[in-house]
Amino acid sequence: MAIGADQVTAIARLARLHIDASEVAGYGAQLSRILDLVAEMDRVDTDGVEPLAHPLEVVARLRPDVVTEPDRRGVLQQGAPAVEDGYYLVPKFIE
């Protein structure tokens, strides 16, 4: 699919990109090759192909859901200026 200079300029404007006039032809050729590749991939027969969540057959190793550290919230909140029910109190800020 051939992309003309006017189309490259319109795409650049939509993308808020500045392209020099000398680069328009090169970008047009690159965009044309990309669209040709997409068209080629559209022609591939994918009937019966299951969608993949991951290209490799890997399984995530899961660790046991157990507590490994003690609760130190009280110790860590001792230096806070204001705490209530385990939460830090901060001044109300409305702009």
PDB file of N, CA and C in Angstrom:
ATOM      1  N   MET A   1       0.856  -1.180   0.000  1.00  0.00           N
ATOM      2  CA  MET A   1       0.000   0.000   0.000  1.00  0.00           C
ATOM      3  C   MET A   1       0.891   1.228   0.000  1.00  0.00           C
ATOM      4  N   ALA A   2       0.743   2.042  -0.976  1.00  0.00           N
ATOM      5  CA  ALA A   2       1.587   3.230  -1.109  1.00  0.00           C
ATOM      6  C   ALA A   2       1.004   4.385  -0.299  1.00  0.00           C
ATOM      7  N   ILE A   3       1.855   5.030   0.466  1.00  0.00           N
ATOM      8  CA  ILE A   3       1.473   6.196   1.261  1.00  0.00           C
ATOM      9  C   ILE A   3       2.058   7.420   0.574  1.00  0.00           C
ATOM     10  N   GLY A   4       1.213   8.377   0.253  1.00  0.00           N
ATOM     11  CA  GLY A   4       1.667   9.583  -0.427  1.00  0.00           C
ATOM     12  C   GLY A   4       2.184  10.629   0.541  1.00  0.00           C
ATOM     13  N   ALA A   5       2.808  11.645  -0.022  1.00  0.00           N
ATOM     14  CA  ALA A   5       3.387  12.723   0.787  1.00  0.00           C
ATOM     15  C   ALA A   5       2.319  13.459   1.574  1.00  0.00           C
ATOM     16  N   ASP A   6       1.140  13.658   0.990  1.00  0.00           N
ATOM     17  CA  ASP A   6       0.076  14.361   1.703  1.00  0.00           C
ATOM     18  C   ASP A   6      -0.429  13.544   2.892  1.00  0.00           C
ATOM     19  N   GLN A   7      -0.467  12.217   2.733  1.00  0.00           N
ATOM     20  CA  GLN A   7      -0.894  11.365   3.846  1.00  0.00           C
ATOM     21  C   GLN A   7       0.140  11.371   4.967  1.00  0.00           C
ATOM     22  N   VAL A   8       1.423  11.349   4.613  1.00  0.00           N
ATOM     23  CA  VAL A   8       2.476  11.407   5.633  1.00  0.00           C
ATOM     24  C   VAL A   8       2.386  12.721   6.391  1.00  0.00           C
ATOM     25  N   THR A   9       2.167  13.809   5.687  1.00  0.00           N
ATOM     26  CA  THR A   9       2.043  15.113   6.326  1.00  0.00           C
ATOM     27  C   THR A   9       0.828  15.153   7.251  1.00  0.00           C
ATOM     28  N   ALA A  10      -0.283  14.576   6.822  1.00  0.00           N
ATOM     29  CA  ALA A  10      -1.489  14.549   7.656  1.00  0.00           C
ATOM     30  C   ALA A  10      -1.276  13.696   8.905  1.00  0.00           C
ATOM     31  N   ILE A  11      -0.624  12.555   8.750  1.00  0.00           N
ATOM     32  CA  ILE A  11      -0.343  11.690   9.904  1.00  0.00           C
ATOM     33  C   ILE A  11       0.583  12.396  10.880  1.00  0.00           C
ATOM     34  N   ALA A  12       1.597  13.074  10.363  1.00  0.00           N
ATOM     35  CA  ALA A  12       2.527  13.802  11.224  1.00  0.00           C
ATOM     36  C   ALA A  12       1.805  14.912  11.976  1.00  0.00           C
ATOM     37  N   ARG A  13       0.887  15.589  11.305  1.00  0.00           N
ATOM     38  CA  ARG A  13       0.138  16.660  11.969  1.00  0.00           C
ATOM     39  C   ARG A  13      -0.736  16.084  13.084  1.00  0.00           C
ATOM     40  N   LEU A  14      -1.402  14.962  12.814  1.00  0.00           N
ATOM     41  CA  LEU A  14      -2.243  14.331  13.834  1.00  0.00           C
ATOM     42  C   LEU A  14      -1.422  13.860  15.032  1.00  0.00           C
ATOM     43  N   ALA A  15      -0.193  13.401  14.768  1.00  0.00           N
ATOM     44  CA  ALA A  15       0.684  12.920  15.836  1.00  0.00           C
ATOM     45  C   ALA A  15       1.478  14.049  16.479  1.00  0.00           C
ATOM     46  N   ARG A  16       1.246  15.257  16.013  1.00  0.00           N
ATOM     47  CA  ARG A  16       1.954  16.439  16.529  1.00  0.00           C
ATOM     48  C   ARG A  16       3.463  16.298  16.361  1.00  0.00           C
ATOM     49  N   LEU A  17       3.889  15.802  15.171  1.00  0.00           N
ATOM     50  CA  LEU A  17       5.303  15.631  14.858  1.00  0.00           C
ATOM     51  C   LEU A  17       5.706  16.608  13.772  1.00  0.00           C
ATOM     52  N   HIS A  18       6.897  17.143  13.897  1.00  0.00           N
ATOM     53  CA  HIS A  18       7.430  18.007  12.847  1.00  0.00           C
ATOM     54  C   HIS A  18       8.332  17.170  11.955  1.00  0.00           C
ATOM     55  N   ILE A  19       8.011  17.129  10.683  1.00  0.00           N
ATOM     56  CA  ILE A  19       8.810  16.375   9.721  1.00  0.00           C
ATOM     57  C   ILE A  19       9.264  17.342   8.634  1.00  0.00           C
ATOM     58  N   ASP A  20      10.554  17.357   8.386  1.00  0.00           N
ATOM     59  CA  ASP A  20      11.085  18.184   7.304  1.00  0.00           C
ATOM     60  C   ASP A  20      10.589  17.649   5.966  1.00  0.00           C
ATOM     61  N   ALA A  21      10.457  18.540   5.008  1.00  0.00           N
ATOM     62  CA  ALA A  21       9.974  18.147   3.682  1.00  0.00           C
ATOM     63  C   ALA A  21      10.890  17.117   3.031  1.00  0.00           C
ATOM     64  N   SER A  22      12.180  17.160   3.379  1.00  0.00           N
ATOM     65  CA  SER A  22      13.123  16.205   2.789  1.00  0.00           C
ATOM     66  C   SER A  22      12.948  14.789   3.346  1.00  0.00           C
ATOM     67  N   GLU A  23      12.285  14.656   4.494  1.00  0.00           N
ATOM     68  CA  GLU A  23      12.114  13.345   5.127  1.00  0.00           C
ATOM     69  C   GLU A  23      10.779  12.690   4.787  1.00  0.00           C
ATOM     70  N   VAL A  24       9.879  13.424   4.168  1.00  0.00           N
ATOM     71  CA  VAL A  24       8.522  12.917   3.921  1.00  0.00           C
ATOM     72  C   VAL A  24       8.543  11.662   3.053  1.00  0.00           C
ATOM     73  N   ALA A  25       9.332  11.657   2.004  1.00  0.00           N
ATOM     74  CA  ALA A  25       9.369  10.492   1.110  1.00  0.00           C
ATOM     75  C   ALA A  25       9.877   9.248   1.839  1.00  0.00           C
ATOM     76  N   GLY A  26      10.896   9.406   2.667  1.00  0.00           N
ATOM     77  CA  GLY A  26      11.436   8.275   3.424  1.00  0.00           C
ATOM     78  C   GLY A  26      10.425   7.707   4.396  1.00  0.00           C
ATOM     79  N   TYR A  27       9.708   8.600   5.099  1.00  0.00           N
ATOM     80  CA  TYR A  27       8.684   8.134   6.025  1.00  0.00           C
ATOM     81  C   TYR A  27       7.537   7.458   5.269  1.00  0.00           C
ATOM     82  N   GLY A  28       7.207   7.971   4.100  1.00  0.00           N
ATOM     83  CA  GLY A  28       6.155   7.346   3.301  1.00  0.00           C
ATOM     84  C   GLY A  28       6.522   5.930   2.915  1.00  0.00           C
ATOM     85  N   ALA A  29       7.787   5.727   2.520  1.00  0.00           N
ATOM     86  CA  ALA A  29       8.237   4.381   2.151  1.00  0.00           C
ATOM     87  C   ALA A  29       8.216   3.446   3.354  1.00  0.00           C
ATOM     88  N   GLN A  30       8.657   3.938   4.508  1.00  0.00           N
ATOM     89  CA  GLN A  30       8.660   3.102   5.716  1.00  0.00           C
ATOM     90  C   GLN A  30       7.238   2.730   6.131  1.00  0.00           C
ATOM     91  N   LEU A  31       6.333   3.703   6.112  1.00  0.00           N
ATOM     92  CA  LEU A  31       4.943   3.416   6.474  1.00  0.00           C
ATOM     93  C   LEU A  31       4.313   2.439   5.486  1.00  0.00           C
ATOM     94  N   SER A  32       4.646   2.566   4.200  1.00  0.00           N
ATOM     95  CA  SER A  32       4.124   1.639   3.196  1.00  0.00           C
ATOM     96  C   SER A  32       4.583   0.216   3.474  1.00  0.00           C
ATOM     97  N   ARG A  33       5.866   0.051   3.841  1.00  0.00           N
ATOM     98  CA  ARG A  33       6.372  -1.301   4.154  1.00  0.00           C
ATOM     99  C   ARG A  33       5.682  -1.870   5.394  1.00  0.00           C
ATOM    100  N   ILE A  34       5.436  -1.028   6.384  1.00  0.00           N
ATOM    101  CA  ILE A  34       4.744  -1.494   7.597  1.00  0.00           C
ATOM    102  C   ILE A  34       3.332  -1.953   7.247  1.00  0.00           C
ATOM    103  N   LEU A  35       2.619  -1.173   6.465  1.00  0.00           N
ATOM    104  CA  LEU A  35       1.247  -1.549   6.092  1.00  0.00           C
ATOM    105  C   LEU A  35       1.226  -2.784   5.209  1.00  0.00           C
ATOM    106  N   ASP A  36       2.234  -2.952   4.359  1.00  0.00           N
ATOM    107  CA  ASP A  36       2.331  -4.175   3.550  1.00  0.00           C
ATOM    108  C   ASP A  36       2.535  -5.398   4.444  1.00  0.00           C
ATOM    109  N   LEU A  37       3.337  -5.266   5.483  1.00  0.00           N
ATOM    110  CA  LEU A  37       3.552  -6.370   6.417  1.00  0.00           C
ATOM    111  C   LEU A  37       2.266  -6.715   7.158  1.00  0.00           C
ATOM    112  N   VAL A  38       1.522  -5.697   7.584  1.00  0.00           N
ATOM    113  CA  VAL A  38       0.246  -5.940   8.263  1.00  0.00           C
ATOM    114  C   VAL A  38      -0.727  -6.646   7.319  1.00  0.00           C
ATOM    115  N   ALA A  39      -0.765  -6.224   6.071  1.00  0.00           N
ATOM    116  CA  ALA A  39      -1.644  -6.882   5.087  1.00  0.00           C
ATOM    117  C   ALA A  39      -1.230  -8.329   4.875  1.00  0.00           C
ATOM    118  N   GLU A  40       0.065  -8.594   4.851  1.00  0.00           N
ATOM    119  CA  GLU A  40       0.553  -9.967   4.700  1.00  0.00           C
ATOM    120  C   GLU A  40       0.152 -10.816   5.906  1.00  0.00           C
ATOM    121  N   MET A  41       0.235 -10.258   7.094  1.00  0.00           N
ATOM    122  CA  MET A  41      -0.164 -11.006   8.298  1.00  0.00           C
ATOM    123  C   MET A  41      -1.665 -11.246   8.317  1.00  0.00           C
ATOM    124  N   ASP A  42      -2.450 -10.341   7.738  1.00  0.00           N
ATOM    125  CA  ASP A  42      -3.904 -10.542   7.658  1.00  0.00           C
ATOM    126  C   ASP A  42      -4.270 -11.724   6.764  1.00  0.00           C
ATOM    127  N   ARG A  43      -3.424 -12.056   5.810  1.00  0.00           N
ATOM    128  CA  ARG A  43      -3.702 -13.163   4.895  1.00  0.00           C
ATOM    129  C   ARG A  43      -3.416 -14.536   5.514  1.00  0.00           C
ATOM    130  N   VAL A  44      -2.763 -14.589   6.654  1.00  0.00           N
ATOM    131  CA  VAL A  44      -2.426 -15.864   7.293  1.00  0.00           C
ATOM    132  C   VAL A  44      -3.696 -16.507   7.841  1.00  0.00           C
ATOM    133  N   ASP A  45      -3.864 -17.798   7.572  1.00  0.00           N
ATOM    134  CA  ASP A  45      -5.022 -18.548   8.052  1.00  0.00           C
ATOM    135  C   ASP A  45      -4.831 -18.867   9.535  1.00  0.00           C
ATOM    136  N   THR A  46      -5.667 -18.285  10.377  1.00  0.00           N
ATOM    137  CA  THR A  46      -5.567 -18.511  11.826  1.00  0.00           C
ATOM    138  C   THR A  46      -6.763 -19.274  12.372  1.00  0.00           C
ATOM    139  N   ASP A  47      -7.526 -19.912  11.510  1.00  0.00           N
ATOM    140  CA  ASP A  47      -8.664 -20.703  11.981  1.00  0.00           C
ATOM    141  C   ASP A  47      -8.158 -21.865  12.819  1.00  0.00           C
ATOM    142  N   GLY A  48      -8.767 -22.068  13.961  1.00  0.00           N
ATOM    143  CA  GLY A  48      -8.394 -23.164  14.837  1.00  0.00           C
ATOM    144  C   GLY A  48      -7.186 -22.871  15.717  1.00  0.00           C
ATOM    145  N   VAL A  49      -6.658 -21.674  15.671  1.00  0.00           N
ATOM    146  CA  VAL A  49      -5.510 -21.327  16.506  1.00  0.00           C
ATOM    147  C   VAL A  49      -6.033 -20.714  17.798  1.00  0.00           C
ATOM    148  N   GLU A  50      -5.647 -21.308  18.908  1.00  0.00           N
ATOM    149  CA  GLU A  50      -6.080 -20.813  20.216  1.00  0.00           C
ATOM    150  C   GLU A  50      -5.295 -19.550  20.579  1.00  0.00           C
ATOM    151  N   PRO A  51      -5.966 -18.541  21.122  1.00  0.00           N
ATOM    152  CA  PRO A  51      -5.235 -17.355  21.565  1.00  0.00           C
ATOM    153  C   PRO A  51      -4.329 -17.690  22.753  1.00  0.00           C
ATOM    154  N   LEU A  52      -3.199 -17.008  22.841  1.00  0.00           N
ATOM    155  CA  LEU A  52      -2.236 -17.256  23.906  1.00  0.00           C
ATOM    156  C   LEU A  52      -2.223 -16.114  24.903  1.00  0.00           C
ATOM    157  N   ALA A  53      -2.042 -16.458  26.172  1.00  0.00           N
ATOM    158  CA  ALA A  53      -1.813 -15.438  27.182  1.00  0.00           C
ATOM    159  C   ALA A  53      -0.328 -15.148  27.281  1.00  0.00           C
ATOM    160  N   HIS A  54       0.498 -16.130  26.909  1.00  0.00           N
ATOM    161  CA  HIS A  54       1.953 -15.993  26.959  1.00  0.00           C
ATOM    162  C   HIS A  54       2.530 -16.907  25.884  1.00  0.00           C
ATOM    163  N   PRO A  55       3.566 -16.476  25.187  1.00  0.00           N
ATOM    164  CA  PRO A  55       4.096 -17.318  24.110  1.00  0.00           C
ATOM    165  C   PRO A  55       4.793 -18.587  24.581  1.00  0.00           C
ATOM    166  N   LEU A  56       5.192 -18.646  25.828  1.00  0.00           N
ATOM    167  CA  LEU A  56       5.866 -19.828  26.368  1.00  0.00           C
ATOM    168  C   LEU A  56       4.954 -20.525  27.360  1.00  0.00           C
ATOM    169  N   GLU A  57       5.078 -21.830  27.429  1.00  0.00           N
ATOM    170  CA  GLU A  57       4.293 -22.596  28.391  1.00  0.00           C
ATOM    171  C   GLU A  57       4.992 -22.544  29.744  1.00  0.00           C
ATOM    172  N   VAL A  58       4.762 -21.462  30.476  1.00  0.00           N
ATOM    173  CA  VAL A  58       5.389 -21.307  31.786  1.00  0.00           C
ATOM    174  C   VAL A  58       4.305 -21.194  32.841  1.00  0.00           C
ATOM    175  N   VAL A  59       4.647 -21.632  34.019  1.00  0.00           N
ATOM    176  CA  VAL A  59       3.745 -21.534  35.156  1.00  0.00           C
ATOM    177  C   VAL A  59       4.459 -20.733  36.225  1.00  0.00           C
ATOM    178  N   ALA A  60       3.764 -19.751  36.782  1.00  0.00           N
ATOM    179  CA  ALA A  60       4.362 -18.925  37.822  1.00  0.00           C
ATOM    180  C   ALA A  60       4.498 -19.743  39.105  1.00  0.00           C
ATOM    181  N   ARG A  61       5.680 -19.662  39.679  1.00  0.00           N
ATOM    182  CA  ARG A  61       5.876 -20.319  40.968  1.00  0.00           C
ATOM    183  C   ARG A  61       5.245 -19.453  42.049  1.00  0.00           C
ATOM    184  N   LEU A  62       4.412 -20.058  42.856  1.00  0.00           N
ATOM    185  CA  LEU A  62       3.739 -19.320  43.921  1.00  0.00           C
ATOM    186  C   LEU A  62       4.332 -19.710  45.258  1.00  0.00           C
ATOM    187  N   ARG A  63       4.514 -18.713  46.096  1.00  0.00           N
ATOM    188  CA  ARG A  63       5.002 -18.988  47.439  1.00  0.00           C
ATOM    189  C   ARG A  63       3.804 -19.150  48.370  1.00  0.00           C
ATOM    190  N   PRO A  64       3.993 -19.820  49.464  1.00  0.00           N
ATOM    191  CA  PRO A  64       2.881 -19.955  50.410  1.00  0.00           C
ATOM    192  C   PRO A  64       2.499 -18.593  50.983  1.00  0.00           C
ATOM    193  N   ASP A  65       1.223 -18.385  51.214  1.00  0.00           N
ATOM    194  CA  ASP A  65       0.724 -17.124  51.747  1.00  0.00           C
ATOM    195  C   ASP A  65       0.780 -17.161  53.273  1.00  0.00           C
ATOM    196  N   VAL A  66       1.972 -16.938  53.792  1.00  0.00           N
ATOM    197  CA  VAL A  66       2.172 -16.932  55.240  1.00  0.00           C
ATOM    198  C   VAL A  66       2.868 -15.639  55.643  1.00  0.00           C
ATOM    199  N   VAL A  67       2.614 -15.203  56.858  1.00  0.00           N
ATOM    200  CA  VAL A  67       3.249 -13.995  57.386  1.00  0.00           C
ATOM    201  C   VAL A  67       4.704 -14.315  57.682  1.00  0.00           C
ATOM    202  N   THR A  68       5.607 -13.477  57.179  1.00  0.00           N
ATOM    203  CA  THR A  68       7.033 -13.716  57.399  1.00  0.00           C
ATOM    204  C   THR A  68       7.680 -12.646  58.248  1.00  0.00           C
ATOM    205  N   GLU A  69       6.980 -11.527  58.500  1.00  0.00           N
ATOM    206  CA  GLU A  69       7.529 -10.456  59.328  1.00  0.00           C
ATOM    207  C   GLU A  69       6.509 -10.071  60.384  1.00  0.00           C
ATOM    208  N   PRO A  70       6.969  -9.625  61.539  1.00  0.00           N
ATOM    209  CA  PRO A  70       6.030  -9.219  62.586  1.00  0.00           C
ATOM    210  C   PRO A  70       5.366  -7.879  62.249  1.00  0.00           C
ATOM    211  N   ASP A  71       4.207  -7.643  62.855  1.00  0.00           N
ATOM    212  CA  ASP A  71       3.498  -6.381  62.668  1.00  0.00           C
ATOM    213  C   ASP A  71       4.222  -5.287  63.444  1.00  0.00           C
ATOM    214  N   ARG A  72       4.788  -4.321  62.729  1.00  0.00           N
ATOM    215  CA  ARG A  72       5.547  -3.246  63.370  1.00  0.00           C
ATOM    216  C   ARG A  72       4.870  -1.896  63.183  1.00  0.00           C
ATOM    217  N   ARG A  73       3.591  -1.893  62.840  1.00  0.00           N
ATOM    218  CA  ARG A  73       2.906  -0.636  62.573  1.00  0.00           C
ATOM    219  C   ARG A  73       2.959   0.304  63.767  1.00  0.00           C
ATOM    220  N   GLY A  74       2.699  -0.194  64.968  1.00  0.00           N
ATOM    221  CA  GLY A  74       2.721   0.651  66.161  1.00  0.00           C
ATOM    222  C   GLY A  74       4.076   1.295  66.383  1.00  0.00           C
ATOM    223  N   VAL A  75       5.141   0.527  66.196  1.00  0.00           N
ATOM    224  CA  VAL A  75       6.496   1.055  66.380  1.00  0.00           C
ATOM    225  C   VAL A  75       6.796   2.116  65.330  1.00  0.00           C
ATOM    226  N   LEU A  76       6.419   1.850  64.094  1.00  0.00           N
ATOM    227  CA  LEU A  76       6.699   2.789  63.018  1.00  0.00           C
ATOM    228  C   LEU A  76       5.864   4.060  63.119  1.00  0.00           C
ATOM    229  N   GLN A  77       4.684   3.979  63.732  1.00  0.00           N
ATOM    230  CA  GLN A  77       3.832   5.156  63.832  1.00  0.00           C
ATOM    231  C   GLN A  77       4.094   5.978  65.090  1.00  0.00           C
ATOM    232  N   GLN A  78       5.002   5.558  65.922  1.00  0.00           N
ATOM    233  CA  GLN A  78       5.290   6.315  67.153  1.00  0.00           C
ATOM    234  C   GLN A  78       5.808   7.719  66.848  1.00  0.00           C
ATOM    235  N   GLY A  79       6.529   7.894  65.768  1.00  0.00           N
ATOM    236  CA  GLY A  79       7.076   9.202  65.444  1.00  0.00           C
ATOM    237  C   GLY A  79       6.123  10.087  64.669  1.00  0.00           C
ATOM    238  N   ALA A  80       4.941   9.597  64.340  1.00  0.00           N
ATOM    239  CA  ALA A  80       3.985  10.396  63.563  1.00  0.00           C
ATOM    240  C   ALA A  80       3.325  11.433  64.445  1.00  0.00           C
ATOM    241  N   PRO A  81       3.038  12.618  63.922  1.00  0.00           N
ATOM    242  CA  PRO A  81       2.407  13.660  64.728  1.00  0.00           C
ATOM    243  C   PRO A  81       0.978  13.313  65.140  1.00  0.00           C
ATOM    244  N   ALA A  82       0.221  12.593  64.293  1.00  0.00           N
ATOM    245  CA  ALA A  82      -1.160  12.250  64.637  1.00  0.00           C
ATOM    246  C   ALA A  82      -1.521  10.916  63.987  1.00  0.00           C
ATOM    247  N   VAL A  83      -2.025   9.987  64.838  1.00  0.00           N
ATOM    248  CA  VAL A  83      -2.437   8.665  64.368  1.00  0.00           C
ATOM    249  C   VAL A  83      -3.757   8.331  65.044  1.00  0.00           C
ATOM    250  N   GLU A  84      -4.669   7.692  64.268  1.00  0.00           N
ATOM    251  CA  GLU A  84      -5.933   7.253  64.855  1.00  0.00           C
ATOM    252  C   GLU A  84      -6.331   5.931  64.223  1.00  0.00           C
ATOM    253  N   ASP A  85      -6.580   4.914  65.027  1.00  0.00           N
ATOM    254  CA  ASP A  85      -6.981   3.585  64.565  1.00  0.00           C
ATOM    255  C   ASP A  85      -5.997   3.000  63.552  1.00  0.00           C
ATOM    256  N   GLY A  86      -4.714   3.270  63.735  1.00  0.00           N
ATOM    257  CA  GLY A  86      -3.697   2.723  62.862  1.00  0.00           C
ATOM    258  C   GLY A  86      -3.483   3.504  61.575  1.00  0.00           C
ATOM    259  N   TYR A  87      -4.173   4.618  61.403  1.00  0.00           N
ATOM    260  CA  TYR A  87      -4.024   5.444  60.203  1.00  0.00           C
ATOM    261  C   TYR A  87      -3.337   6.761  60.549  1.00  0.00           C
ATOM    262  N   TYR A  88      -2.558   7.280  59.632  1.00  0.00           N
ATOM    263  CA  TYR A  88      -1.935   8.589  59.809  1.00  0.00           C
ATOM    264  C   TYR A  88      -2.995   9.662  59.573  1.00  0.00           C
ATOM    265  N   LEU A  89      -3.049  10.633  60.447  1.00  0.00           N
ATOM    266  CA  LEU A  89      -3.960  11.759  60.268  1.00  0.00           C
ATOM    267  C   LEU A  89      -3.178  12.908  59.650  1.00  0.00           C
ATOM    268  N   VAL A  90      -3.732  13.482  58.619  1.00  0.00           N
ATOM    269  CA  VAL A  90      -3.091  14.601  57.929  1.00  0.00           C
ATOM    270  C   VAL A  90      -4.085  15.757  57.844  1.00  0.00           C
ATOM    271  N   PRO A  91      -3.577  16.983  57.739  1.00  0.00           N
ATOM    272  CA  PRO A  91      -4.496  18.118  57.637  1.00  0.00           C
ATOM    273  C   PRO A  91      -5.337  18.034  56.360  1.00  0.00           C
ATOM    274  N   LYS A  92      -6.558  18.494  56.452  1.00  0.00           N
ATOM    275  CA  LYS A  92      -7.441  18.521  55.288  1.00  0.00           C
ATOM    276  C   LYS A  92      -6.943  19.602  54.339  1.00  0.00           C
ATOM    277  N   PHE A  93      -6.816  19.230  53.059  1.00  0.00           N
ATOM    278  CA  PHE A  93      -6.316  20.172  52.064  1.00  0.00           C
ATOM    279  C   PHE A  93      -7.284  20.206  50.902  1.00  0.00           C
ATOM    280  N   ILE A  94      -7.954  21.338  50.763  1.00  0.00           N
ATOM    281  CA  ILE A  94      -8.873  21.534  49.653  1.00  0.00           C
ATOM    282  C   ILE A  94      -8.469  22.807  48.948  1.00  0.00           C
ATOM    283  N   GLU A  95      -8.288  22.705  47.651  1.00  0.00           N
ATOM    284  CA  GLU A  95      -7.856  23.866  46.881  1.00  0.00           C
ATOM    285  C   GLU A  95      -9.036  24.544  46.251  1.00  0.00           C
TER     286      GLU A  95
END
